[in-house]
């Protein structure tokens, strides 16, 4: 599981990443990346799973748990001072863990390439 110190919870930082960060996506999700905005040396990761995509809280929480587990290993590979937000899209419905993992890897690599890191 992703450690508590790597979790993004500040709404203002979420807005900043959505506004100024580089993004890349696919049918399942969109990854927003903003570098150089965190004072500590850790990377922060946040998740957005809207009710429109998964109406039931159980389904939303399951997807967030899977994403936290996927991001646990990828956080160490990110450049320092990076904020990462993963936004789930409607194409994610019915996806299993491995499909979600492939979607995260694909979108994350393209978003990091766009941000120049």
PDB file of N, CA and C in Angstrom:
ATOM      1  N   UNK A   1       0.836  -1.178   0.000  1.00  0.00           N
ATOM      2  CA  UNK A   1       0.000   0.000   0.000  1.00  0.00           C
ATOM      3  C   UNK A   1       0.883   1.244   0.000  1.00  0.00           C
ATOM      4  N   UNK A   2       0.406   2.290  -0.615  1.00  0.00           N
ATOM      5  CA  UNK A   2       1.118   3.560  -0.681  1.00  0.00           C
ATOM      6  C   UNK A   2       1.188   4.158   0.720  1.00  0.00           C
ATOM      7  N   UNK A   3       2.378   4.619   1.111  1.00  0.00           N
ATOM      8  CA  UNK A   3       2.531   5.139   2.468  1.00  0.00           C
ATOM      9  C   UNK A   3       1.779   6.458   2.636  1.00  0.00           C
ATOM     10  N   UNK A   4       1.441   6.781   3.859  1.00  0.00           N
ATOM     11  CA  UNK A   4       0.656   7.981   4.167  1.00  0.00           C
ATOM     12  C   UNK A   4       1.411   9.254   3.801  1.00  0.00           C
ATOM     13  N   UNK A   5       2.725   9.244   3.899  1.00  0.00           N
ATOM     14  CA  UNK A   5       3.502  10.442   3.581  1.00  0.00           C
ATOM     15  C   UNK A   5       3.531  10.731   2.087  1.00  0.00           C
ATOM     16  N   UNK A   6       3.166   9.749   1.251  1.00  0.00           N
ATOM     17  CA  UNK A   6       3.142   9.941  -0.188  1.00  0.00           C
ATOM     18  C   UNK A   6       1.742  10.254  -0.729  1.00  0.00           C
ATOM     19  N   UNK A   7       0.765  10.373   0.151  1.00  0.00           N
ATOM     20  CA  UNK A   7      -0.595  10.619  -0.312  1.00  0.00           C
ATOM     21  C   UNK A   7      -0.882  12.109  -0.405  1.00  0.00           C
ATOM     22  N   UNK A   8      -1.494  12.491  -1.494  1.00  0.00           N
ATOM     23  CA  UNK A   8      -1.886  13.878  -1.713  1.00  0.00           C
ATOM     24  C   UNK A   8      -3.302  14.060  -1.184  1.00  0.00           C
ATOM     25  N   UNK A   9      -3.456  15.003  -0.248  1.00  0.00           N
ATOM     26  CA  UNK A   9      -4.771  15.249   0.352  1.00  0.00           C
ATOM     27  C   UNK A   9      -5.189  16.718   0.303  1.00  0.00           C
ATOM     28  N   UNK A  10      -4.273  17.604  -0.018  1.00  0.00           N
ATOM     29  CA  UNK A  10      -4.535  19.039  -0.014  1.00  0.00           C
ATOM     30  C   UNK A  10      -5.309  19.444  -1.273  1.00  0.00           C
ATOM     31  N   UNK A  11      -6.535  19.977  -1.133  1.00  0.00           N
ATOM     32  CA  UNK A  11      -7.329  20.360  -2.312  1.00  0.00           C
ATOM     33  C   UNK A  11      -6.652  21.428  -3.167  1.00  0.00           C
ATOM     34  N   UNK A  12      -5.893  22.304  -2.535  1.00  0.00           N
ATOM     35  CA  UNK A  12      -5.212  23.358  -3.296  1.00  0.00           C
ATOM     36  C   UNK A  12      -4.136  22.771  -4.215  1.00  0.00           C
ATOM     37  N   UNK A  13      -3.425  21.759  -3.741  1.00  0.00           N
ATOM     38  CA  UNK A  13      -2.427  21.098  -4.585  1.00  0.00           C
ATOM     39  C   UNK A  13      -3.091  20.326  -5.723  1.00  0.00           C
ATOM     40  N   UNK A  14      -4.255  19.724  -5.464  1.00  0.00           N
ATOM     41  CA  UNK A  14      -5.006  19.059  -6.531  1.00  0.00           C
ATOM     42  C   UNK A  14      -5.314  20.065  -7.640  1.00  0.00           C
ATOM     43  N   UNK A  15      -5.833  21.232  -7.260  1.00  0.00           N
ATOM     44  CA  UNK A  15      -6.174  22.262  -8.244  1.00  0.00           C
ATOM     45  C   UNK A  15      -4.936  22.717  -9.026  1.00  0.00           C
ATOM     46  N   UNK A  16      -3.836  22.862  -8.322  1.00  0.00           N
ATOM     47  CA  UNK A  16      -2.598  23.308  -8.961  1.00  0.00           C
ATOM     48  C   UNK A  16      -2.116  22.291  -9.998  1.00  0.00           C
ATOM     49  N   UNK A  17      -2.199  21.015  -9.655  1.00  0.00           N
ATOM     50  CA  UNK A  17      -1.775  19.964 -10.587  1.00  0.00           C
ATOM     51  C   UNK A  17      -2.685  19.941 -11.805  1.00  0.00           C
ATOM     52  N   UNK A  18      -3.993  20.054 -11.606  1.00  0.00           N
ATOM     53  CA  UNK A  18      -4.919  20.051 -12.730  1.00  0.00           C
ATOM     54  C   UNK A  18      -4.715  21.269 -13.625  1.00  0.00           C
ATOM     55  N   UNK A  19      -4.372  22.385 -13.042  1.00  0.00           N
ATOM     56  CA  UNK A  19      -4.236  23.616 -13.815  1.00  0.00           C
ATOM     57  C   UNK A  19      -2.894  23.730 -14.539  1.00  0.00           C
ATOM     58  N   UNK A  20      -1.806  23.396 -13.854  1.00  0.00           N
ATOM     59  CA  UNK A  20      -0.477  23.640 -14.407  1.00  0.00           C
ATOM     60  C   UNK A  20       0.291  22.384 -14.802  1.00  0.00           C
ATOM     61  N   UNK A  21      -0.179  21.209 -14.414  1.00  0.00           N
ATOM     62  CA  UNK A  21       0.564  19.987 -14.690  1.00  0.00           C
ATOM     63  C   UNK A  21       0.403  19.491 -16.109  1.00  0.00           C
ATOM     64  N   UNK A  22       1.317  18.645 -16.508  1.00  0.00           N
ATOM     65  CA  UNK A  22       1.243  17.984 -17.811  1.00  0.00           C
ATOM     66  C   UNK A  22       0.387  16.740 -17.651  1.00  0.00           C
ATOM     67  N   UNK A  23      -0.361  16.399 -18.681  1.00  0.00           N
ATOM     68  CA  UNK A  23      -1.231  15.236 -18.569  1.00  0.00           C
ATOM     69  C   UNK A  23      -1.121  14.342 -19.791  1.00  0.00           C
ATOM     70  N   UNK A  24      -1.438  13.084 -19.555  1.00  0.00           N
ATOM     71  CA  UNK A  24      -1.507  12.089 -20.616  1.00  0.00           C
ATOM     72  C   UNK A  24      -2.518  11.055 -20.169  1.00  0.00           C
ATOM     73  N   UNK A  25      -3.195  10.464 -21.109  1.00  0.00           N
ATOM     74  CA  UNK A  25      -4.217   9.507 -20.723  1.00  0.00           C
ATOM     75  C   UNK A  25      -4.483   8.478 -21.786  1.00  0.00           C
ATOM     76  N   UNK A  26      -5.424   7.616 -21.457  1.00  0.00           N
ATOM     77  CA  UNK A  26      -5.905   6.594 -22.374  1.00  0.00           C
ATOM     78  C   UNK A  26      -7.394   6.399 -22.090  1.00  0.00           C
ATOM     79  N   UNK A  27      -7.968   5.315 -22.534  1.00  0.00           N
ATOM     80  CA  UNK A  27      -9.408   5.104 -22.350  1.00  0.00           C
ATOM     81  C   UNK A  27      -9.796   4.908 -20.886  1.00  0.00           C
ATOM     82  N   UNK A  28      -8.872   4.474 -20.065  1.00  0.00           N
ATOM     83  CA  UNK A  28      -9.199   4.119 -18.685  1.00  0.00           C
ATOM     84  C   UNK A  28      -8.936   5.229 -17.679  1.00  0.00           C
ATOM     85  N   UNK A  29      -7.872   6.009 -17.890  1.00  0.00           N
ATOM     86  CA  UNK A  29      -7.527   7.033 -16.906  1.00  0.00           C
ATOM     87  C   UNK A  29      -6.658   8.124 -17.504  1.00  0.00           C
ATOM     88  N   UNK A  30      -6.530   9.209 -16.745  1.00  0.00           N
ATOM     89  CA  UNK A  30      -5.672  10.337 -17.111  1.00  0.00           C
ATOM     90  C   UNK A  30      -4.708  10.572 -15.959  1.00  0.00           C
ATOM     91  N   UNK A  31      -3.437  10.773 -16.296  1.00  0.00           N
ATOM     92  CA  UNK A  31      -2.412  11.042 -15.292  1.00  0.00           C
ATOM     93  C   UNK A  31      -1.961  12.494 -15.451  1.00  0.00           C
ATOM     94  N   UNK A  32      -1.994  13.248 -14.359  1.00  0.00           N
ATOM     95  CA  UNK A  32      -1.517  14.627 -14.317  1.00  0.00           C
ATOM     96  C   UNK A  32      -0.228  14.649 -13.493  1.00  0.00           C
ATOM     97  N   UNK A  33       0.825  15.288 -14.021  1.00  0.00           N
ATOM     98  CA  UNK A  33       2.120  15.340 -13.348  1.00  0.00           C
ATOM     99  C   UNK A  33       2.577  16.781 -13.243  1.00  0.00           C
ATOM    100  N   UNK A  34       2.994  17.175 -12.047  1.00  0.00           N
ATOM    101  CA  UNK A  34       3.570  18.492 -11.820  1.00  0.00           C
ATOM    102  C   UNK A  34       4.841  18.293 -11.002  1.00  0.00           C
ATOM    103  N   UNK A  35       5.956  18.807 -11.501  1.00  0.00           N
ATOM    104  CA  UNK A  35       7.231  18.624 -10.809  1.00  0.00           C
ATOM    105  C   UNK A  35       7.690  19.930 -10.183  1.00  0.00           C
ATOM    106  N   UNK A  36       8.444  19.798  -9.093  1.00  0.00           N
ATOM    107  CA  UNK A  36       9.052  20.953  -8.448  1.00  0.00           C
ATOM    108  C   UNK A  36       8.137  21.751  -7.553  1.00  0.00           C
ATOM    109  N   UNK A  37       7.002  21.219  -7.130  1.00  0.00           N
ATOM    110  CA  UNK A  37       6.051  21.989  -6.341  1.00  0.00           C
ATOM    111  C   UNK A  37       5.939  21.532  -4.890  1.00  0.00           C
ATOM    112  N   UNK A  38       6.676  20.513  -4.507  1.00  0.00           N
ATOM    113  CA  UNK A  38       6.582  19.991  -3.144  1.00  0.00           C
ATOM    114  C   UNK A  38       7.861  20.350  -2.405  1.00  0.00           C
ATOM    115  N   UNK A  39       7.710  20.827  -1.172  1.00  0.00           N
ATOM    116  CA  UNK A  39       8.891  21.244  -0.413  1.00  0.00           C
ATOM    117  C   UNK A  39       9.700  20.047   0.099  1.00  0.00           C
ATOM    118  N   UNK A  40       9.020  18.995   0.516  1.00  0.00           N
ATOM    119  CA  UNK A  40       9.765  17.835   1.005  1.00  0.00           C
ATOM    120  C   UNK A  40      10.297  17.032  -0.173  1.00  0.00           C
ATOM    121  N   UNK A  41      11.172  16.096   0.110  1.00  0.00           N
ATOM    122  CA  UNK A  41      11.819  15.310  -0.927  1.00  0.00           C
ATOM    123  C   UNK A  41      10.932  14.183  -1.434  1.00  0.00           C
ATOM    124  N   UNK A  42       9.787  13.990  -0.828  1.00  0.00           N
ATOM    125  CA  UNK A  42       8.887  12.909  -1.213  1.00  0.00           C
ATOM    126  C   UNK A  42       8.043  13.298  -2.410  1.00  0.00           C
ATOM    127  N   UNK A  43       7.538  12.300  -3.103  1.00  0.00           N
ATOM    128  CA  UNK A  43       6.564  12.499  -4.171  1.00  0.00           C
ATOM    129  C   UNK A  43       5.176  12.282  -3.591  1.00  0.00           C
ATOM    130  N   UNK A  44       4.202  13.035  -4.092  1.00  0.00           N
ATOM    131  CA  UNK A  44       2.830  12.907  -3.621  1.00  0.00           C
ATOM    132  C   UNK A  44       1.963  12.343  -4.734  1.00  0.00           C
ATOM    133  N   UNK A  45       1.032  11.457  -4.357  1.00  0.00           N
ATOM    134  CA  UNK A  45       0.135  10.833  -5.326  1.00  0.00           C
ATOM    135  C   UNK A  45      -1.291  10.984  -4.828  1.00  0.00           C
ATOM    136  N   UNK A  46      -2.172  11.456  -5.714  1.00  0.00           N
ATOM    137  CA  UNK A  46      -3.584  11.605  -5.393  1.00  0.00           C
ATOM    138  C   UNK A  46      -4.435  10.886  -6.426  1.00  0.00           C
ATOM    139  N   UNK A  47      -5.665  10.581  -6.047  1.00  0.00           N
ATOM    140  CA  UNK A  47      -6.567   9.831  -6.921  1.00  0.00           C
ATOM    141  C   UNK A  47      -7.922  10.511  -6.971  1.00  0.00           C
ATOM    142  N   UNK A  48      -8.522  10.497  -8.161  1.00  0.00           N
ATOM    143  CA  UNK A  48      -9.866  11.022  -8.348  1.00  0.00           C
ATOM    144  C   UNK A  48     -10.681   9.925  -9.019  1.00  0.00           C
ATOM    145  N   UNK A  49     -11.669   9.407  -8.285  1.00  0.00           N
ATOM    146  CA  UNK A  49     -12.568   8.390  -8.814  1.00  0.00           C
ATOM    147  C   UNK A  49     -13.984   8.934  -8.648  1.00  0.00           C
ATOM    148  N   UNK A  50     -14.567   9.523  -9.708  1.00  0.00           N
ATOM    149  CA  UNK A  50     -15.857  10.201  -9.575  1.00  0.00           C
ATOM    150  C   UNK A  50     -17.043   9.248  -9.429  1.00  0.00           C
ATOM    151  N   UNK A  51     -18.085   9.764  -8.819  1.00  0.00           N
ATOM    152  CA  UNK A  51     -19.319   9.002  -8.666  1.00  0.00           C
ATOM    153  C   UNK A  51     -19.956   8.687 -10.013  1.00  0.00           C
ATOM    154  N   UNK A  52     -19.704   9.515 -11.001  1.00  0.00           N
ATOM    155  CA  UNK A  52     -20.258   9.291 -12.325  1.00  0.00           C
ATOM    156  C   UNK A  52     -19.727   7.991 -12.926  1.00  0.00           C
ATOM    157  N   UNK A  53     -18.487   7.655 -12.615  1.00  0.00           N
ATOM    158  CA  UNK A  53     -17.875   6.440 -13.152  1.00  0.00           C
ATOM    159  C   UNK A  53     -18.303   5.217 -12.347  1.00  0.00           C
ATOM    160  N   UNK A  54     -18.176   5.305 -11.027  1.00  0.00           N
ATOM    161  CA  UNK A  54     -18.567   4.216 -10.131  1.00  0.00           C
ATOM    162  C   UNK A  54     -19.557   4.774  -9.121  1.00  0.00           C
ATOM    163  N   UNK A  55     -20.816   4.453  -9.286  1.00  0.00           N
ATOM    164  CA  UNK A  55     -21.857   5.019  -8.432  1.00  0.00           C
ATOM    165  C   UNK A  55     -21.741   4.530  -6.990  1.00  0.00           C
ATOM    166  N   UNK A  56     -21.328   3.307  -6.811  1.00  0.00           N
ATOM    167  CA  UNK A  56     -21.262   2.736  -5.468  1.00  0.00           C
ATOM    168  C   UNK A  56     -19.905   3.022  -4.822  1.00  0.00           C
ATOM    169  N   UNK A  57     -19.940   3.386  -3.559  1.00  0.00           N
ATOM    170  CA  UNK A  57     -18.716   3.707  -2.821  1.00  0.00           C
ATOM    171  C   UNK A  57     -17.786   2.504  -2.732  1.00  0.00           C
ATOM    172  N   UNK A  58     -18.343   1.314  -2.654  1.00  0.00           N
ATOM    173  CA  UNK A  58     -17.524   0.107  -2.567  1.00  0.00           C
ATOM    174  C   UNK A  58     -16.650  -0.025  -3.819  1.00  0.00           C
ATOM    175  N   UNK A  59     -17.224   0.235  -4.979  1.00  0.00           N
ATOM    176  CA  UNK A  59     -16.471   0.131  -6.232  1.00  0.00           C
ATOM    177  C   UNK A  59     -15.416   1.227  -6.333  1.00  0.00           C
ATOM    178  N   UNK A  60     -15.769   2.456  -5.923  1.00  0.00           N
ATOM    179  CA  UNK A  60     -14.796   3.548  -5.954  1.00  0.00           C
ATOM    180  C   UNK A  60     -13.605   3.248  -5.051  1.00  0.00           C
ATOM    181  N   UNK A  61     -13.881   2.770  -3.865  1.00  0.00           N
ATOM    182  CA  UNK A  61     -12.809   2.470  -2.910  1.00  0.00           C
ATOM    183  C   UNK A  61     -11.945   1.309  -3.377  1.00  0.00           C
ATOM    184  N   UNK A  62     -12.546   0.334  -4.044  1.00  0.00           N
ATOM    185  CA  UNK A  62     -11.768  -0.793  -4.562  1.00  0.00           C
ATOM    186  C   UNK A  62     -10.776  -0.312  -5.618  1.00  0.00           C
ATOM    187  N   UNK A  63     -11.237   0.560  -6.522  1.00  0.00           N
ATOM    188  CA  UNK A  63     -10.343   1.093  -7.552  1.00  0.00           C
ATOM    189  C   UNK A  63      -9.231   1.927  -6.920  1.00  0.00           C
ATOM    190  N   UNK A  64      -9.565   2.735  -5.907  1.00  0.00           N
ATOM    191  CA  UNK A  64      -8.537   3.534  -5.230  1.00  0.00           C
ATOM    192  C   UNK A  64      -7.510   2.645  -4.536  1.00  0.00           C
ATOM    193  N   UNK A  65      -7.958   1.567  -3.912  1.00  0.00           N
ATOM    194  CA  UNK A  65      -7.019   0.634  -3.267  1.00  0.00           C
ATOM    195  C   UNK A  65      -6.084   0.016  -4.299  1.00  0.00           C
ATOM    196  N   UNK A  66      -6.649  -0.388  -5.442  1.00  0.00           N
ATOM    197  CA  UNK A  66      -5.821  -0.974  -6.493  1.00  0.00           C
ATOM    198  C   UNK A  66      -4.808   0.043  -7.017  1.00  0.00           C
ATOM    199  N   UNK A  67      -5.238   1.272  -7.215  1.00  0.00           N
ATOM    200  CA  UNK A  67      -4.334   2.312  -7.708  1.00  0.00           C
ATOM    201  C   UNK A  67      -3.239   2.628  -6.692  1.00  0.00           C
ATOM    202  N   UNK A  68      -3.584   2.659  -5.408  1.00  0.00           N
ATOM    203  CA  UNK A  68      -2.567   2.893  -4.375  1.00  0.00           C
ATOM    204  C   UNK A  68      -1.521   1.788  -4.396  1.00  0.00           C
ATOM    205  N   UNK A  69      -1.959   0.567  -4.588  1.00  0.00           N
ATOM    206  CA  UNK A  69      -1.033  -0.558  -4.630  1.00  0.00           C
ATOM    207  C   UNK A  69      -0.148  -0.482  -5.869  1.00  0.00           C
ATOM    208  N   UNK A  70      -0.716  -0.111  -6.992  1.00  0.00           N
ATOM    209  CA  UNK A  70       0.047   0.023  -8.234  1.00  0.00           C
ATOM    210  C   UNK A  70       1.098   1.126  -8.093  1.00  0.00           C
ATOM    211  N   UNK A  71       0.722   2.243  -7.486  1.00  0.00           N
ATOM    212  CA  UNK A  71       1.623   3.397  -7.380  1.00  0.00           C
ATOM    213  C   UNK A  71       2.699   3.229  -6.322  1.00  0.00           C
ATOM    214  N   UNK A  72       2.536   2.282  -5.419  1.00  0.00           N
ATOM    215  CA  UNK A  72       3.510   2.083  -4.341  1.00  0.00           C
ATOM    216  C   UNK A  72       4.918   1.884  -4.879  1.00  0.00           C
ATOM    217  N   UNK A  73       5.076   1.052  -5.908  1.00  0.00           N
ATOM    218  CA  UNK A  73       6.408   0.780  -6.460  1.00  0.00           C
ATOM    219  C   UNK A  73       6.866   1.873  -7.418  1.00  0.00           C
ATOM    220  N   UNK A  74       5.922   2.536  -8.049  1.00  0.00           N
ATOM    221  CA  UNK A  74       6.272   3.543  -9.050  1.00  0.00           C
ATOM    222  C   UNK A  74       6.698   4.872  -8.439  1.00  0.00           C
ATOM    223  N   UNK A  75       6.359   5.120  -7.187  1.00  0.00           N
ATOM    224  CA  UNK A  75       6.715   6.377  -6.526  1.00  0.00           C
ATOM    225  C   UNK A  75       8.218   6.515  -6.410  1.00  0.00           C
ATOM    226  N   UNK A  76       8.919   5.430  -6.139  1.00  0.00           N
ATOM    227  CA  UNK A  76      10.370   5.507  -5.990  1.00  0.00           C
ATOM    228  C   UNK A  76      11.066   5.831  -7.310  1.00  0.00           C
ATOM    229  N   UNK A  77      10.433   5.534  -8.434  1.00  0.00           N
ATOM    230  CA  UNK A  77      11.033   5.810  -9.737  1.00  0.00           C
ATOM    231  C   UNK A  77      10.770   7.244 -10.203  1.00  0.00           C
ATOM    232  N   UNK A  78       9.855   7.942  -9.533  1.00  0.00           N
ATOM    233  CA  UNK A  78       9.532   9.318  -9.928  1.00  0.00           C
ATOM    234  C   UNK A  78      10.639  10.274  -9.501  1.00  0.00           C
ATOM    235  N   UNK A  79      10.803  11.377 -10.238  1.00  0.00           N
ATOM    236  CA  UNK A  79      11.773  12.385  -9.800  1.00  0.00           C
ATOM    237  C   UNK A  79      11.344  13.007  -8.471  1.00  0.00           C
ATOM    238  N   UNK A  80      12.273  13.494  -7.656  1.00  0.00           N
ATOM    239  CA  UNK A  80      11.893  14.126  -6.387  1.00  0.00           C
ATOM    240  C   UNK A  80      11.025  15.355  -6.621  1.00  0.00           C
ATOM    241  N   UNK A  81      10.238  15.711  -5.630  1.00  0.00           N
ATOM    242  CA  UNK A  81       9.371  16.898  -5.657  1.00  0.00           C
ATOM    243  C   UNK A  81       8.296  16.801  -6.739  1.00  0.00           C
ATOM    244  N   UNK A  82       7.767  15.629  -6.984  1.00  0.00           N
ATOM    245  CA  UNK A  82       6.755  15.430  -8.013  1.00  0.00           C
ATOM    246  C   UNK A  82       5.402  15.190  -7.377  1.00  0.00           C
ATOM    247  N   UNK A  83       4.370  15.793  -7.996  1.00  0.00           N
ATOM    248  CA  UNK A  83       2.990  15.533  -7.597  1.00  0.00           C
ATOM    249  C   UNK A  83       2.317  14.820  -8.752  1.00  0.00           C
ATOM    250  N   UNK A  84       1.649  13.725  -8.446  1.00  0.00           N
ATOM    251  CA  UNK A  84       0.998  12.892  -9.441  1.00  0.00           C
ATOM    252  C   UNK A  84      -0.465  12.729  -9.050  1.00  0.00           C
ATOM    253  N   UNK A  85      -1.376  12.989  -9.995  1.00  0.00           N
ATOM    254  CA  UNK A  85      -2.804  12.765  -9.756  1.00  0.00           C
ATOM    255  C   UNK A  85      -3.319  11.849 -10.852  1.00  0.00           C
ATOM    256  N   UNK A  86      -3.997  10.783 -10.456  1.00  0.00           N
ATOM    257  CA  UNK A  86      -4.589   9.837 -11.401  1.00  0.00           C
ATOM    258  C   UNK A  86      -6.096  10.013 -11.345  1.00  0.00           C
ATOM    259  N   UNK A  87      -6.677  10.339 -12.509  1.00  0.00           N
ATOM    260  CA  UNK A  87      -8.122  10.541 -12.616  1.00  0.00           C
ATOM    261  C   UNK A  87      -8.704   9.397 -13.439  1.00  0.00           C
ATOM    262  N   UNK A  88      -9.659   8.681 -12.869  1.00  0.00           N
ATOM    263  CA  UNK A  88     -10.248   7.511 -13.501  1.00  0.00           C
ATOM    264  C   UNK A  88     -11.364   7.949 -14.455  1.00  0.00           C
ATOM    265  N   UNK A  89     -11.426   7.310 -15.622  1.00  0.00           N
ATOM    266  CA  UNK A  89     -12.452   7.597 -16.618  1.00  0.00           C
ATOM    267  C   UNK A  89     -13.450   6.442 -16.708  1.00  0.00           C
ATOM    268  N   UNK A  90     -14.508   6.647 -17.475  1.00  0.00           N
ATOM    269  CA  UNK A  90     -15.559   5.626 -17.586  1.00  0.00           C
ATOM    270  C   UNK A  90     -15.069   4.336 -18.226  1.00  0.00           C
ATOM    271  N   UNK A  91     -14.029   4.384 -19.038  1.00  0.00           N
ATOM    272  CA  UNK A  91     -13.492   3.186 -19.661  1.00  0.00           C
ATOM    273  C   UNK A  91     -12.867   2.212 -18.679  1.00  0.00           C
ATOM    274  N   UNK A  92     -12.724   2.638 -17.447  1.00  0.00           N
ATOM    275  CA  UNK A  92     -12.110   1.808 -16.410  1.00  0.00           C
ATOM    276  C   UNK A  92     -13.075   0.756 -15.861  1.00  0.00           C
ATOM    277  N   UNK A  93     -14.361   0.989 -16.060  1.00  0.00           N
ATOM    278  CA  UNK A  93     -15.353   0.029 -15.542  1.00  0.00           C
ATOM    279  C   UNK A  93     -15.112  -1.352 -16.123  1.00  0.00           C
ATOM    280  N   UNK A  94     -15.093  -2.345 -15.286  1.00  0.00           N
ATOM    281  CA  UNK A  94     -14.915  -3.719 -15.727  1.00  0.00           C
ATOM    282  C   UNK A  94     -13.470  -4.138 -15.920  1.00  0.00           C
ATOM    283  N   UNK A  95     -12.528  -3.255 -15.656  1.00  0.00           N
ATOM    284  CA  UNK A  95     -11.112  -3.590 -15.813  1.00  0.00           C
ATOM    285  C   UNK A  95     -10.606  -4.351 -14.597  1.00  0.00           C
ATOM    286  N   UNK A  96      -9.735  -5.307 -14.845  1.00  0.00           N
ATOM    287  CA  UNK A  96      -9.130  -6.000 -13.722  1.00  0.00           C
ATOM    288  C   UNK A  96      -7.831  -5.298 -13.327  1.00  0.00           C
ATOM    289  N   UNK A  97      -7.145  -5.837 -12.336  1.00  0.00           N
ATOM    290  CA  UNK A  97      -5.942  -5.212 -11.781  1.00  0.00           C
ATOM    291  C   UNK A  97      -4.850  -5.041 -12.833  1.00  0.00           C
ATOM    292  N   UNK A  98      -4.627  -6.071 -13.639  1.00  0.00           N
ATOM    293  CA  UNK A  98      -3.526  -6.020 -14.604  1.00  0.00           C
ATOM    294  C   UNK A  98      -3.803  -5.022 -15.728  1.00  0.00           C
ATOM    295  N   UNK A  99      -5.044  -4.901 -16.150  1.00  0.00           N
ATOM    296  CA  UNK A  99      -5.388  -3.900 -17.159  1.00  0.00           C
ATOM    297  C   UNK A  99      -5.205  -2.492 -16.602  1.00  0.00           C
ATOM    298  N   UNK A 100      -5.578  -2.313 -15.345  1.00  0.00           N
ATOM    299  CA  UNK A 100      -5.392  -1.020 -14.686  1.00  0.00           C
ATOM    300  C   UNK A 100      -3.909  -0.688 -14.544  1.00  0.00           C
ATOM    301  N   UNK A 101      -3.108  -1.686 -14.226  1.00  0.00           N
ATOM    302  CA  UNK A 101      -1.662  -1.499 -14.092  1.00  0.00           C
ATOM    303  C   UNK A 101      -1.035  -1.089 -15.426  1.00  0.00           C
ATOM    304  N   UNK A 102      -1.439  -1.722 -16.505  1.00  0.00           N
ATOM    305  CA  UNK A 102      -0.924  -1.371 -17.834  1.00  0.00           C
ATOM    306  C   UNK A 102      -1.339   0.042 -18.219  1.00  0.00           C
ATOM    307  N   UNK A 103      -2.571   0.424 -17.897  1.00  0.00           N
ATOM    308  CA  UNK A 103      -3.057   1.767 -18.215  1.00  0.00           C
ATOM    309  C   UNK A 103      -2.267   2.825 -17.447  1.00  0.00           C
ATOM    310  N   UNK A 104      -1.972   2.558 -16.172  1.00  0.00           N
ATOM    311  CA  UNK A 104      -1.190   3.503 -15.366  1.00  0.00           C
ATOM    312  C   UNK A 104       0.216   3.635 -15.926  1.00  0.00           C
ATOM    313  N   UNK A 105       0.857   2.522 -16.250  1.00  0.00           N
ATOM    314  CA  UNK A 105       2.220   2.571 -16.791  1.00  0.00           C
ATOM    315  C   UNK A 105       2.272   3.355 -18.098  1.00  0.00           C
ATOM    316  N   UNK A 106       1.310   3.110 -18.975  1.00  0.00           N
ATOM    317  CA  UNK A 106       1.267   3.787 -20.265  1.00  0.00           C
ATOM    318  C   UNK A 106       1.090   5.293 -20.091  1.00  0.00           C
ATOM    319  N   UNK A 107       0.091   5.691 -19.326  1.00  0.00           N
ATOM    320  CA  UNK A 107      -0.194   7.120 -19.153  1.00  0.00           C
ATOM    321  C   UNK A 107       0.905   7.821 -18.358  1.00  0.00           C
ATOM    322  N   UNK A 108       1.447   7.159 -17.362  1.00  0.00           N
ATOM    323  CA  UNK A 108       2.500   7.770 -16.545  1.00  0.00           C
ATOM    324  C   UNK A 108       3.771   8.011 -17.367  1.00  0.00           C
ATOM    325  N   UNK A 109       4.160   7.046 -18.170  1.00  0.00           N
ATOM    326  CA  UNK A 109       5.374   7.233 -18.981  1.00  0.00           C
ATOM    327  C   UNK A 109       5.190   8.380 -19.971  1.00  0.00           C
ATOM    328  N   UNK A 110       4.004   8.500 -20.581  1.00  0.00           N
ATOM    329  CA  UNK A 110       3.776   9.587 -21.524  1.00  0.00           C
ATOM    330  C   UNK A 110       3.694  10.943 -20.824  1.00  0.00           C
ATOM    331  N   UNK A 111       3.086  10.990 -19.637  1.00  0.00           N
ATOM    332  CA  UNK A 111       2.989  12.253 -18.895  1.00  0.00           C
ATOM    333  C   UNK A 111       4.371  12.717 -18.436  1.00  0.00           C
ATOM    334  N   UNK A 112       5.202  11.805 -17.974  1.00  0.00           N
ATOM    335  CA  UNK A 112       6.566  12.177 -17.569  1.00  0.00           C
ATOM    336  C   UNK A 112       7.396  12.637 -18.754  1.00  0.00           C
ATOM    337  N   UNK A 113       7.187  12.035 -19.931  1.00  0.00           N
ATOM    338  CA  UNK A 113       7.898  12.474 -21.132  1.00  0.00           C
ATOM    339  C   UNK A 113       7.491  13.896 -21.505  1.00  0.00           C
ATOM    340  N   UNK A 114       6.211  14.214 -21.341  1.00  0.00           N
ATOM    341  CA  UNK A 114       5.729  15.558 -21.658  1.00  0.00           C
ATOM    342  C   UNK A 114       6.252  16.598 -20.659  1.00  0.00           C
ATOM    343  N   UNK A 115       6.432  16.178 -19.417  1.00  0.00           N
ATOM    344  CA  UNK A 115       6.911  17.124 -18.406  1.00  0.00           C
ATOM    345  C   UNK A 115       8.426  17.322 -18.494  1.00  0.00           C
ATOM    346  N   UNK A 116       9.096  16.501 -19.296  1.00  0.00           N
ATOM    347  CA  UNK A 116      10.531  16.659 -19.488  1.00  0.00           C
ATOM    348  C   UNK A 116      11.373  15.968 -18.449  1.00  0.00           C
ATOM    349  N   UNK A 117      10.819  15.038 -17.696  1.00  0.00           N
ATOM    350  CA  UNK A 117      11.568  14.335 -16.646  1.00  0.00           C
ATOM    351  C   UNK A 117      11.751  12.880 -16.994  1.00  0.00           C
TER     352      UNK A 117
END
